[in-house]
Amino acid sequence: MNTVNCFLPYISPEQVKPTVDELRSTGLVDKIYLMTSNPDAAPCDGCEILAVDTLTGTQTLQVIYKHSDGKNILLFLRPGLIRLGQYALERMVTALDECQYNRLVYADYYELSNGNHQQHPLNDYQVGSVRDDFDFGPVLLISNAILAAYTRNMSRENIVYKYAGLYHFRLDYAFNLHGIIHIREYLYSFAEDNTRKSGEKQFDYVDPKNREVQLEMEKAFTSTLKYSKEYKKKKPQAVKFKSRGFKYEATVIIPVRNRVRTIEDAIRSVFMQEASFKFNLIIVDNHSTDGTTDVIRRYASDDRLVHIIPERDDLGIGGYWNLAAAHPLCGKFSVQLDSDDVYSGPDTLQKIVDTFYAEKCAMVIGTYKMTDFDLNEIPPGIIDHREWTPENGRNNALRINGLGAPRAFYTPILREIKMPNVSYGEDYAIGLAISRTYRIGRIYEVVYLCRRWEDNTDAALDIRKMNEYNAYKDSLRTIEMRVRGHLL
C-alpha cells in the first residue's frame, strides 16, 4: 500500500506530538511537515518546518506539492488533537488508490470532549456544494497527481490566492472530475478547539474582518463557473412596475408561531415607520399557543393589520409567505420582518421602496446588524455583503449561504415564483431563482436589527440538523446551477 506525506498546522510541540505519534504508528506515513507562519518556530520530534503565509493559499499548496515527493497528501485543515481509528488511514488511502479518478477523500469523525466521543457526520458532496465553508472535517486526503496539475497551472498563469487556493483547487480540479469521495464511517476522533455554539459560528463567513477573504473567494468561485453560451448572453433584467392594482405600496410580512416575548416589538417596529406611501402589515400566525395570538389581537383596531390564521396545518415559513403574498391586501412590495427582529429606524420601508424604483429590481436586500436581545451589538456586528456587485451578484449568491436582510420582493414576481414550503432556506431559494433572471437591489446601510437570543430557532443546532439545513441549501444550488446551464 502506498505511503503518504502529512502536513499539519503547527502551534507548539505539545499541540502536535500526540498526532505525530499517531501518524507514525500507522506505518503508512513517510514524512511529516509542520506548517507555520512563525519564523521562529523550532523543529519538533524530527518533523520538518514549512514556512507558510496562510493554510489555504495557492503558495501553500505549491509548497506542499514540492515536499510531497510524489506521494499523496494527508492535509490537516485545522489544529487539534487527532486520534486515528482502527485502520483508518489505510481505509482512506485505499479509497483514493482504488480509482484513478478519485481526487479528494474525507470521512466522518468523532468529536472528543472531556474524554467522550460524539458522532460528527458530514454531508455528501453535491454539484451545488460550492460554498467556501463546506465542511470536510479536519482531515483531507489529496491525490498527488491532481495537486501537481493544479500547481503547474497556477504557476503558468501566475495566479495567486492568499486565502482561496484550496477552495479554488477543489472546485476547479477535483469537483469537475467528480472525484470527491465521502467515506461515511467514523474513522478518527478530533478534539475541537472551537467549541462555540452553531448559532455563533454560522455568521463567521460574513464577519467584516474577513472581507478580504470574501472578495478572494468570490473571485475564485466565479473563475470556475462554466455557463452555457445562452445563459452568458442573458443579462439581469430590469423590472417594469405596475402602476395600478394595489391598495398598498408596501406590505410587511411576519410569519410567527409562539413568539409572545417578541411579537409586539416587531409590530411596533412596523407601525413606527414613516413613509410617503400607504403600507400595511400581514401577520401569518401559525396557531400559536403561548399568548402570541392575544398580543396580535390587541392591534386589531388598526386597519393596517391583517391577521391570518391558516386553515392548513402543513405550512412552513415559505408557505406562510405564499399565503400572505397571495392575499388581496398584499401591497406592491412585500417586505420581510422576522417575529423576533426589528427595523433599525422609522425610515426602513421608505429606503427599501426607493431602492426598488431607483434600481428597477425584483428584489431588495438590506444590511443588518447582529444584536443581543436588548439590541446591543454583538459579533460579527454589521453584515452588508459588500463583495456583491450588480454584474456578479447572481454568481456570488450561489457561493454564500445567505443573502442578507431584510429581504423585499416585487409582489407579482413573488406570486409567480413562490417560495418552497419549508422553514429553512425558503428565502435563499427564491433569492437564487430571482437572481437568475432579474436585478437585485442592495442597501449598504443598516436597516435591520437581527436579534440573537436563547430561543432563536438556530441558536444551538446539533450537527445533524445543521447538516440537514446545509444539504438542503446545497441541493438548491445544484438545481440552480443546472437551470443556469452550468457545464459540469
Protein backbone atom coordinates (compact mmCIF):
# COMPACT_ATOMS: atom_id res chain seq x y z
CA MET A 1 0.00 0.00 0.00
CA ASN A 2 1.24 3.49 -0.86
CA THR A 3 2.51 5.71 1.92
CA VAL A 4 1.55 9.38 2.32
CA ASN A 5 3.21 12.57 3.44
CA CYS A 6 1.42 14.54 6.15
CA PHE A 7 1.08 18.31 6.59
CA LEU A 8 -0.10 19.69 9.95
CA PRO A 9 -0.77 23.21 11.26
CA TYR A 10 1.89 23.89 13.90
CA ILE A 11 1.37 25.94 17.04
CA SER A 12 3.56 24.19 19.62
CA PRO A 13 5.35 20.86 20.17
CA GLU A 14 2.77 19.95 22.83
CA GLN A 15 -0.03 20.53 20.32
CA VAL A 16 1.28 18.27 17.56
CA LYS A 17 3.22 15.49 19.35
CA PRO A 18 0.22 13.21 20.10
CA THR A 19 -0.94 13.46 16.48
CA VAL A 20 2.59 12.91 15.15
CA ASP A 21 2.88 9.77 17.28
CA GLU A 22 -0.48 8.51 15.99
CA LEU A 23 0.52 9.02 12.37
CA ARG A 24 3.86 7.29 12.75
CA SER A 25 2.23 4.29 14.39
CA THR A 26 0.24 3.52 11.23
CA GLY A 27 3.26 2.55 9.14
CA LEU A 28 1.68 4.44 6.23
CA VAL A 29 3.34 7.82 6.78
CA ASP A 30 6.64 8.68 5.17
CA LYS A 31 7.29 12.28 6.23
CA ILE A 32 5.52 14.76 8.48
CA TYR A 33 5.72 18.50 7.88
CA LEU A 34 4.63 21.23 10.29
CA MET A 35 3.15 24.35 8.67
CA THR A 36 3.53 27.67 10.45
CA SER A 37 3.76 31.39 9.80
CA ASN A 38 6.01 31.81 12.86
CA PRO A 39 9.57 32.46 11.58
CA ASP A 40 11.00 31.46 14.96
CA ALA A 41 9.27 28.07 15.16
CA ALA A 42 11.66 25.31 16.16
CA PRO A 43 11.59 21.79 14.68
CA CYS A 44 9.64 19.23 16.66
CA ASP A 45 10.25 15.49 17.10
CA GLY A 46 12.03 15.05 13.77
CA CYS A 47 9.37 16.80 11.71
CA GLU A 48 10.36 19.43 9.18
CA ILE A 49 9.10 23.01 9.48
CA LEU A 50 7.38 24.56 6.45
CA ALA A 51 7.01 28.35 6.42
CA VAL A 52 3.59 29.33 5.04
CA ASP A 53 1.57 32.52 4.99
CA THR A 54 -1.90 31.00 5.30
CA LEU A 55 -3.02 27.39 5.49
CA THR A 56 -5.22 27.62 2.39
CA GLY A 57 -3.29 29.84 -0.04
CA THR A 58 -2.00 28.95 -3.50
CA GLN A 59 1.61 29.29 -2.43
CA THR A 60 0.99 26.93 0.49
CA LEU A 61 -0.38 24.32 -1.90
CA GLN A 62 2.71 24.77 -4.07
CA VAL A 63 4.98 24.29 -1.04
CA ILE A 64 3.02 21.18 -0.06
CA TYR A 65 3.33 19.71 -3.55
CA LYS A 66 7.06 20.49 -3.64
CA HIS A 67 7.55 18.48 -0.44
CA SER A 68 5.16 15.66 -1.30
CA ASP A 69 7.87 13.66 -3.15
CA GLY A 70 5.28 12.16 -5.47
CA LYS A 71 3.20 10.80 -2.59
CA ASN A 72 -0.44 11.52 -1.82
CA ILE A 73 -1.02 14.23 0.76
CA LEU A 74 -2.77 13.96 4.12
CA LEU A 75 -3.65 17.57 4.91
CA PHE A 76 -4.85 18.70 8.33
CA LEU A 77 -7.14 21.70 7.85
CA ARG A 78 -7.13 22.99 11.41
CA PRO A 79 -5.15 22.40 14.59
CA GLY A 80 -6.35 19.96 17.20
CA LEU A 81 -5.77 16.53 18.66
CA ILE A 82 -6.33 13.62 16.25
CA ARG A 83 -6.84 10.01 17.32
CA LEU A 84 -6.99 7.59 14.38
CA GLY A 85 -9.47 4.72 14.44
CA GLN A 86 -8.68 1.13 13.58
CA TYR A 87 -7.08 1.01 10.10
CA ALA A 88 -8.48 4.50 9.48
CA LEU A 89 -5.64 5.85 7.37
CA GLU A 90 -5.48 2.56 5.45
CA ARG A 91 -9.20 2.96 4.65
CA MET A 92 -8.71 6.47 3.27
CA VAL A 93 -5.60 5.56 1.27
CA THR A 94 -7.38 2.57 -0.24
CA ALA A 95 -10.34 4.73 -1.27
CA LEU A 96 -8.02 7.15 -3.04
CA ASP A 97 -5.98 4.42 -4.73
CA GLU A 98 -8.92 2.29 -5.89
CA CYS A 99 -9.89 4.60 -8.74
CA GLN A 100 -7.68 6.91 -10.78
CA TYR A 101 -10.47 9.49 -10.90
CA ASN A 102 -10.69 9.86 -7.12
CA ARG A 103 -9.08 13.15 -6.12
CA LEU A 104 -10.12 14.03 -2.56
CA VAL A 105 -11.16 11.76 0.29
CA TYR A 106 -12.79 12.84 3.57
CA ALA A 107 -14.56 10.92 6.32
CA ASP A 108 -16.93 11.29 9.23
CA TYR A 109 -15.33 11.53 12.65
CA TYR A 110 -15.92 11.67 16.39
CA GLU A 111 -15.67 14.89 18.37
CA LEU A 112 -13.62 14.42 21.55
CA SER A 113 -14.78 16.41 24.55
CA ASN A 114 -13.85 15.62 28.16
CA GLY A 115 -12.98 12.08 27.11
CA ASN A 116 -16.36 11.50 25.45
CA HIS A 117 -16.90 10.58 21.79
CA GLN A 118 -19.71 12.33 19.94
CA GLN A 119 -20.51 11.46 16.34
CA HIS A 120 -19.80 14.21 13.81
CA PRO A 121 -21.27 13.09 10.47
CA LEU A 122 -20.51 15.12 7.34
CA ASN A 123 -22.57 15.82 4.24
CA ASP A 124 -22.08 14.13 0.90
CA TYR A 125 -20.62 16.45 -1.72
CA GLN A 126 -23.19 17.63 -4.27
CA VAL A 127 -22.89 19.57 -7.51
CA GLY A 128 -24.09 22.57 -5.52
CA SER A 129 -21.69 22.15 -2.60
CA VAL A 130 -19.81 25.21 -3.79
CA ARG A 131 -19.84 27.34 -0.66
CA ASP A 132 -16.33 28.03 0.55
CA ASP A 133 -17.06 26.78 4.08
CA PHE A 134 -18.23 23.29 3.08
CA ASP A 135 -17.26 21.03 5.99
CA PHE A 136 -14.80 18.28 5.04
CA GLY A 137 -13.84 17.79 8.67
CA PRO A 138 -10.29 18.50 9.87
CA VAL A 139 -8.55 15.91 7.64
CA LEU A 140 -8.40 15.70 3.85
CA LEU A 141 -6.51 13.17 1.69
CA ILE A 142 -5.45 14.66 -1.66
CA SER A 143 -4.23 12.97 -4.80
CA ASN A 144 -0.67 13.98 -5.66
CA ALA A 145 -1.38 13.84 -9.40
CA ILE A 146 -4.22 16.34 -9.29
CA LEU A 147 -2.35 18.70 -6.96
CA ALA A 148 0.59 18.57 -9.37
CA ALA A 149 -1.65 19.60 -12.27
CA TYR A 150 -3.15 22.43 -10.24
CA THR A 151 0.14 23.90 -9.03
CA ARG A 152 1.62 23.76 -12.54
CA ASN A 153 -1.36 25.62 -13.93
CA MET A 154 -1.30 28.26 -11.19
CA SER A 155 2.41 28.86 -11.80
CA ARG A 156 1.95 29.03 -15.57
CA GLU A 157 -0.90 31.54 -15.30
CA ASN A 158 0.70 33.38 -12.38
CA ILE A 159 -2.48 33.09 -10.29
CA VAL A 160 -2.05 33.58 -6.55
CA TYR A 161 -4.73 33.32 -3.88
CA LYS A 162 -3.74 34.16 -0.34
CA TYR A 163 -6.84 32.53 1.19
CA ALA A 164 -8.81 30.85 -1.60
CA GLY A 165 -6.20 28.48 -3.02
CA LEU A 166 -7.61 25.29 -1.51
CA TYR A 167 -11.17 26.40 -2.35
CA HIS A 168 -10.24 27.13 -5.96
CA PHE A 169 -8.37 23.84 -6.21
CA ARG A 170 -11.25 21.65 -5.12
CA LEU A 171 -13.75 23.49 -7.35
CA ASP A 172 -11.64 23.60 -10.48
CA TYR A 173 -9.56 20.44 -10.30
CA ALA A 174 -11.31 17.97 -8.04
CA PHE A 175 -15.01 18.76 -8.31
CA ASN A 176 -15.20 18.98 -12.09
CA LEU A 177 -13.76 15.47 -12.33
CA HIS A 178 -16.37 14.16 -9.86
CA GLY A 179 -13.51 12.95 -7.70
CA ILE A 180 -14.57 13.92 -4.18
CA ILE A 181 -15.17 10.80 -2.06
CA HIS A 182 -17.00 10.85 1.27
CA ILE A 183 -16.43 7.80 3.49
CA ARG A 184 -19.48 7.63 5.71
CA GLU A 185 -17.62 5.98 8.56
CA TYR A 186 -16.23 7.48 11.77
CA LEU A 187 -12.55 6.99 11.02
CA TYR A 188 -10.93 9.21 13.62
CA SER A 189 -11.51 11.36 16.68
CA PHE A 190 -10.78 15.06 16.89
CA ALA A 191 -10.62 17.40 19.88
CA GLU A 192 -12.21 20.62 18.62
CA ASP A 193 -10.65 23.88 19.83
CA ASN A 194 -13.60 25.99 18.66
CA THR A 195 -16.45 24.96 20.96
CA ARG A 196 -18.83 27.84 20.25
CA LYS A 197 -22.47 27.01 19.58
CA SER A 198 -23.59 26.52 15.98
CA GLY A 199 -25.56 29.76 16.09
CA GLU A 200 -22.39 31.67 16.99
CA LYS A 201 -20.33 30.03 14.24
CA GLN A 202 -22.74 30.37 11.33
CA PHE A 203 -22.01 34.04 10.66
CA ASP A 204 -18.21 33.70 10.64
CA TYR A 205 -18.11 33.77 6.86
CA VAL A 206 -19.60 37.29 6.78
CA ASP A 207 -17.52 38.77 9.58
CA PRO A 208 -16.33 42.18 8.29
CA LYS A 209 -12.82 41.26 9.46
CA ASN A 210 -12.87 38.64 6.71
CA ARG A 211 -13.84 40.98 3.85
CA GLU A 212 -10.56 40.40 2.01
CA VAL A 213 -11.20 36.67 2.28
CA GLN A 214 -14.72 37.06 0.89
CA LEU A 215 -13.57 39.06 -2.12
CA GLU A 216 -10.97 36.45 -2.93
CA MET A 217 -13.42 33.57 -2.51
CA GLU A 218 -15.84 35.29 -4.87
CA LYS A 219 -13.11 35.73 -7.47
CA ALA A 220 -12.04 32.10 -7.17
CA PHE A 221 -15.60 30.80 -7.44
CA THR A 222 -16.54 32.96 -10.41
CA SER A 223 -13.45 31.83 -12.31
CA THR A 224 -14.63 28.19 -12.12
CA LEU A 225 -18.19 28.76 -13.38
CA LYS A 226 -18.66 27.46 -16.90
CA TYR A 227 -22.08 28.63 -18.03
CA SER A 228 -23.61 27.81 -21.38
CA LYS A 229 -23.32 30.47 -24.07
CA GLU A 230 -27.08 31.01 -23.91
CA TYR A 231 -27.02 31.91 -20.22
CA LYS A 232 -23.92 34.10 -20.57
CA LYS A 233 -25.80 36.25 -23.08
CA LYS A 234 -28.61 36.88 -20.62
CA LYS A 235 -28.18 39.98 -18.51
CA PRO A 236 -30.19 40.63 -15.31
CA GLN A 237 -33.49 42.18 -16.36
CA ALA A 238 -34.88 45.47 -15.14
CA VAL A 239 -38.46 45.38 -13.86
CA LYS A 240 -41.37 47.46 -15.13
CA PHE A 241 -43.62 48.04 -12.16
CA LYS A 242 -47.40 48.06 -12.42
CA SER A 243 -48.92 51.44 -11.65
CA ARG A 244 -52.31 50.06 -10.55
CA GLY A 245 -53.87 47.09 -8.83
CA PHE A 246 -52.53 47.52 -5.30
CA LYS A 247 -54.23 49.31 -2.41
CA TYR A 248 -50.92 49.49 -0.56
CA GLU A 249 -47.49 50.32 -1.90
CA ALA A 250 -45.73 48.05 0.59
CA THR A 251 -46.68 45.23 2.94
CA VAL A 252 -44.56 43.93 5.79
CA ILE A 253 -44.98 40.15 6.20
CA ILE A 254 -44.35 38.49 9.58
CA PRO A 255 -44.74 34.71 9.91
CA VAL A 256 -44.99 33.78 13.59
CA ARG A 257 -45.55 30.92 15.98
CA ASN A 258 -45.17 31.20 19.74
CA ARG A 259 -43.21 34.43 20.00
CA VAL A 260 -45.14 36.11 22.81
CA ARG A 261 -41.92 37.66 24.11
CA THR A 262 -41.03 39.42 20.85
CA ILE A 263 -44.02 39.82 18.52
CA GLU A 264 -45.12 43.15 19.99
CA ASP A 265 -41.67 44.65 19.39
CA ALA A 266 -41.94 43.57 15.76
CA ILE A 267 -45.44 45.03 15.33
CA ARG A 268 -44.40 48.35 16.85
CA SER A 269 -41.34 48.42 14.61
CA VAL A 270 -43.66 48.30 11.59
CA PHE A 271 -46.20 50.82 12.78
CA MET A 272 -43.49 53.34 13.67
CA GLN A 273 -42.44 53.52 10.02
CA GLU A 274 -42.68 56.92 8.36
CA ALA A 275 -43.25 56.74 4.61
CA SER A 276 -44.61 58.79 1.73
CA PHE A 277 -46.89 55.91 0.71
CA LYS A 278 -49.51 53.63 2.20
CA PHE A 279 -48.29 50.45 3.84
CA ASN A 280 -49.78 47.66 5.91
CA LEU A 281 -48.80 44.57 7.90
CA ILE A 282 -49.77 40.96 7.30
CA ILE A 283 -49.08 38.55 10.17
CA VAL A 284 -49.45 34.86 9.46
CA ASP A 285 -49.99 33.30 12.88
CA ASN A 286 -49.40 29.55 12.82
CA HIS A 287 -51.79 28.55 15.59
CA SER A 288 -49.72 29.98 18.43
CA THR A 289 -50.39 28.54 21.87
CA ASP A 290 -48.35 30.81 24.15
CA GLY A 291 -50.38 34.05 24.04
CA THR A 292 -48.89 35.39 20.78
CA THR A 293 -52.34 35.45 19.16
CA ASP A 294 -53.77 37.59 22.00
CA VAL A 295 -50.91 40.11 21.62
CA ILE A 296 -51.61 40.43 17.89
CA ARG A 297 -55.34 40.95 18.53
CA ARG A 298 -54.55 43.99 20.69
CA TYR A 299 -53.77 45.78 17.43
CA ALA A 300 -56.91 44.64 15.61
CA SER A 301 -58.36 48.16 15.66
CA ASP A 302 -55.60 49.35 13.33
CA ASP A 303 -56.96 48.73 9.82
CA ARG A 304 -53.40 48.33 8.52
CA LEU A 305 -53.13 44.97 10.28
CA VAL A 306 -54.20 41.76 8.52
CA HIS A 307 -54.11 38.80 10.93
CA ILE A 308 -54.19 35.43 9.18
CA ILE A 309 -54.53 32.11 10.98
CA PRO A 310 -54.07 29.43 8.29
CA GLU A 311 -56.65 26.71 7.82
CA ARG A 312 -53.85 24.33 6.83
CA ASP A 313 -51.58 22.73 9.40
CA ASP A 314 -48.80 21.66 7.00
CA LEU A 315 -47.24 25.04 6.19
CA GLY A 316 -43.64 26.04 6.77
CA ILE A 317 -42.38 29.62 6.74
CA GLY A 318 -42.28 29.58 2.94
CA GLY A 319 -45.93 28.51 2.92
CA TYR A 320 -46.84 31.40 5.23
CA TRP A 321 -45.14 33.79 2.83
CA ASN A 322 -47.04 32.40 -0.14
CA LEU A 323 -50.29 32.78 1.77
CA ALA A 324 -49.53 36.40 2.64
CA ALA A 325 -48.32 37.32 -0.84
CA ALA A 326 -51.50 35.91 -2.39
CA HIS A 327 -53.74 37.96 -0.08
CA PRO A 328 -55.71 40.66 -1.94
CA LEU A 329 -54.47 43.31 0.53
CA CYS A 330 -50.80 42.50 -0.03
CA GLY A 331 -49.01 45.56 -1.38
CA LYS A 332 -46.90 46.03 -4.48
CA PHE A 333 -43.74 45.28 -2.49
CA SER A 334 -43.55 42.53 0.15
CA VAL A 335 -41.02 43.21 2.91
CA GLN A 336 -39.64 40.70 5.40
CA LEU A 337 -39.58 41.06 9.17
CA ASP A 338 -38.94 38.07 11.41
CA SER A 339 -41.06 37.87 14.53
CA ASP A 340 -38.09 38.35 16.87
CA ASP A 341 -36.32 41.14 14.95
CA VAL A 342 -36.95 44.86 14.43
CA TYR A 343 -36.19 47.55 11.88
CA SER A 344 -33.33 49.85 12.76
CA GLY A 345 -35.34 53.04 12.40
CA PRO A 346 -38.55 54.62 11.08
CA ASP A 347 -37.20 55.05 7.54
CA THR A 348 -36.55 51.39 6.64
CA LEU A 349 -39.63 50.93 4.45
CA GLN A 350 -39.03 54.21 2.65
CA LYS A 351 -35.43 53.25 1.84
CA ILE A 352 -36.49 49.84 0.55
CA VAL A 353 -39.22 51.15 -1.75
CA ASP A 354 -36.97 53.95 -3.02
CA THR A 355 -34.35 51.32 -3.90
CA PHE A 356 -36.88 49.30 -5.92
CA TYR A 357 -37.64 52.30 -8.12
CA ALA A 358 -34.07 53.57 -8.35
CA GLU A 359 -32.64 50.20 -9.39
CA LYS A 360 -35.69 48.74 -11.19
CA CYS A 361 -35.14 45.45 -9.40
CA ALA A 362 -37.28 42.47 -8.46
CA MET A 363 -35.77 42.08 -5.00
CA VAL A 364 -34.03 44.35 -2.50
CA ILE A 365 -31.64 43.09 0.17
CA GLY A 366 -30.62 45.32 3.05
CA THR A 367 -27.85 45.41 5.60
CA TYR A 368 -28.36 44.14 9.13
CA LYS A 369 -26.61 44.31 12.48
CA MET A 370 -26.31 41.41 14.88
CA THR A 371 -27.51 42.29 18.39
CA ASP A 372 -28.42 40.61 21.63
CA PHE A 373 -32.00 40.63 22.87
CA ASP A 374 -31.57 44.15 24.24
CA LEU A 375 -30.26 45.44 20.88
CA ASN A 376 -26.63 45.71 21.97
CA GLU A 377 -24.27 44.93 19.07
CA ILE A 378 -22.62 41.51 19.17
CA PRO A 379 -20.03 39.88 16.86
CA PRO A 380 -19.77 39.86 13.92
CA GLY A 381 -21.64 43.19 14.02
CA ILE A 382 -22.72 44.69 10.70
CA ILE A 383 -23.28 42.28 7.81
CA ASP A 384 -23.57 44.00 4.44
CA HIS A 385 -22.14 41.61 1.81
CA ARG A 386 -20.23 44.42 0.14
CA GLU A 387 -18.48 41.91 -2.09
CA TRP A 388 -21.76 41.84 -4.06
CA THR A 389 -21.70 43.68 -7.38
CA PRO A 390 -24.56 44.21 -9.87
CA GLU A 391 -22.51 42.39 -12.51
CA ASN A 392 -21.53 39.39 -10.39
CA GLY A 393 -24.17 39.33 -7.67
CA ARG A 394 -26.12 36.47 -9.20
CA ASN A 395 -22.96 34.32 -9.15
CA ASN A 396 -21.94 35.35 -5.66
CA ALA A 397 -25.41 34.37 -4.44
CA LEU A 398 -24.53 30.77 -5.30
CA ARG A 399 -21.38 30.82 -3.19
CA ILE A 400 -22.68 32.26 0.07
CA ASN A 401 -25.14 30.61 2.43
CA GLY A 402 -27.47 33.58 2.85
CA LEU A 403 -28.27 36.83 1.07
CA GLY A 404 -28.70 39.33 3.90
CA ALA A 405 -31.68 41.06 5.50
CA PRO A 406 -34.22 42.43 5.26
CA ARG A 407 -35.37 40.88 2.03
CA ALA A 408 -38.08 42.51 0.00
CA PHE A 409 -39.81 41.41 -3.20
CA TYR A 410 -41.84 42.87 -6.04
CA THR A 411 -45.07 41.04 -5.21
CA PRO A 412 -46.14 39.97 -8.74
CA ILE A 413 -42.80 38.17 -9.17
CA LEU A 414 -43.06 36.67 -5.67
CA ARG A 415 -46.51 35.37 -6.57
CA GLU A 416 -45.18 33.91 -9.81
CA ILE A 417 -42.08 32.15 -8.50
CA LYS A 418 -43.30 31.35 -4.96
CA MET A 419 -41.26 30.17 -2.01
CA PRO A 420 -40.79 26.47 -1.27
CA ASN A 421 -42.95 25.33 1.63
CA VAL A 422 -40.10 24.84 4.10
CA SER A 423 -38.96 26.59 7.26
CA TYR A 424 -35.28 26.95 6.46
CA GLY A 425 -33.72 28.29 3.26
CA GLU A 426 -37.02 29.35 1.72
CA ASP A 427 -35.79 32.93 1.31
CA TYR A 428 -32.47 31.75 -0.11
CA ALA A 429 -34.27 29.56 -2.65
CA ILE A 430 -36.34 32.39 -4.05
CA GLY A 431 -33.36 34.75 -3.95
CA LEU A 432 -31.41 32.36 -6.18
CA ALA A 433 -34.33 31.99 -8.58
CA ILE A 434 -34.84 35.76 -8.82
CA SER A 435 -31.14 36.49 -9.28
CA ARG A 436 -31.07 34.11 -12.24
CA THR A 437 -33.28 36.47 -14.25
CA TYR A 438 -33.76 39.82 -12.54
CA ARG A 439 -31.79 42.58 -10.94
CA ILE A 440 -31.42 42.58 -7.17
CA GLY A 441 -31.00 45.92 -5.41
CA ARG A 442 -28.78 46.43 -2.37
CA ILE A 443 -28.84 48.79 0.61
CA TYR A 444 -25.46 49.05 2.29
CA GLU A 445 -26.52 50.88 5.44
CA VAL A 446 -28.06 49.17 8.46
CA VAL A 447 -31.85 48.98 8.15
CA TYR A 448 -32.48 45.84 10.21
CA LEU A 449 -31.52 44.53 13.66
CA CYS A 450 -31.17 40.74 13.89
CA ARG A 451 -31.52 39.67 17.50
CA ARG A 452 -29.73 36.56 18.73
CA TRP A 453 -31.19 35.06 21.89
CA GLU A 454 -31.67 31.70 23.52
CA ASP A 455 -34.96 30.90 21.77
CA ASN A 456 -33.77 31.58 18.21
CA THR A 457 -34.57 28.52 16.13
CA ASP A 458 -30.92 28.24 15.04
CA ALA A 459 -29.20 29.36 18.24
CA ALA A 460 -27.68 25.96 19.05
CA LEU A 461 -28.40 23.32 16.43
CA ASP A 462 -26.98 19.83 16.69
CA ILE A 463 -24.70 18.62 13.90
CA ARG A 464 -27.37 16.53 12.18
CA LYS A 465 -29.78 19.44 11.97
CA MET A 466 -27.01 21.70 10.67
CA ASN A 467 -26.15 19.06 8.08
CA GLU A 468 -29.80 18.82 7.06
CA TYR A 469 -30.02 22.58 6.55
CA ASN A 470 -26.73 22.80 4.67
CA ALA A 471 -27.55 19.81 2.47
CA TYR A 472 -30.84 21.47 1.56
CA LYS A 473 -29.10 24.67 0.50
CA ASP A 474 -26.54 22.65 -1.45
CA SER A 475 -29.46 20.97 -3.25
CA LEU A 476 -30.91 24.40 -4.09
CA ARG A 477 -27.57 25.42 -5.55
CA THR A 478 -27.41 22.17 -7.52
CA ILE A 479 -30.81 22.86 -9.09
CA GLU A 480 -29.94 26.48 -9.78
CA MET A 481 -26.59 25.72 -11.41
CA ARG A 482 -28.22 23.17 -13.69
CA VAL A 483 -31.04 25.55 -14.61
CA ARG A 484 -28.48 28.22 -15.44
CA GLY A 485 -26.71 25.79 -17.76
CA HIS A 486 -23.54 25.30 -15.75
CA LEU A 487 -21.40 22.86 -17.71
CA LEU A 488 -20.26 20.07 -15.41
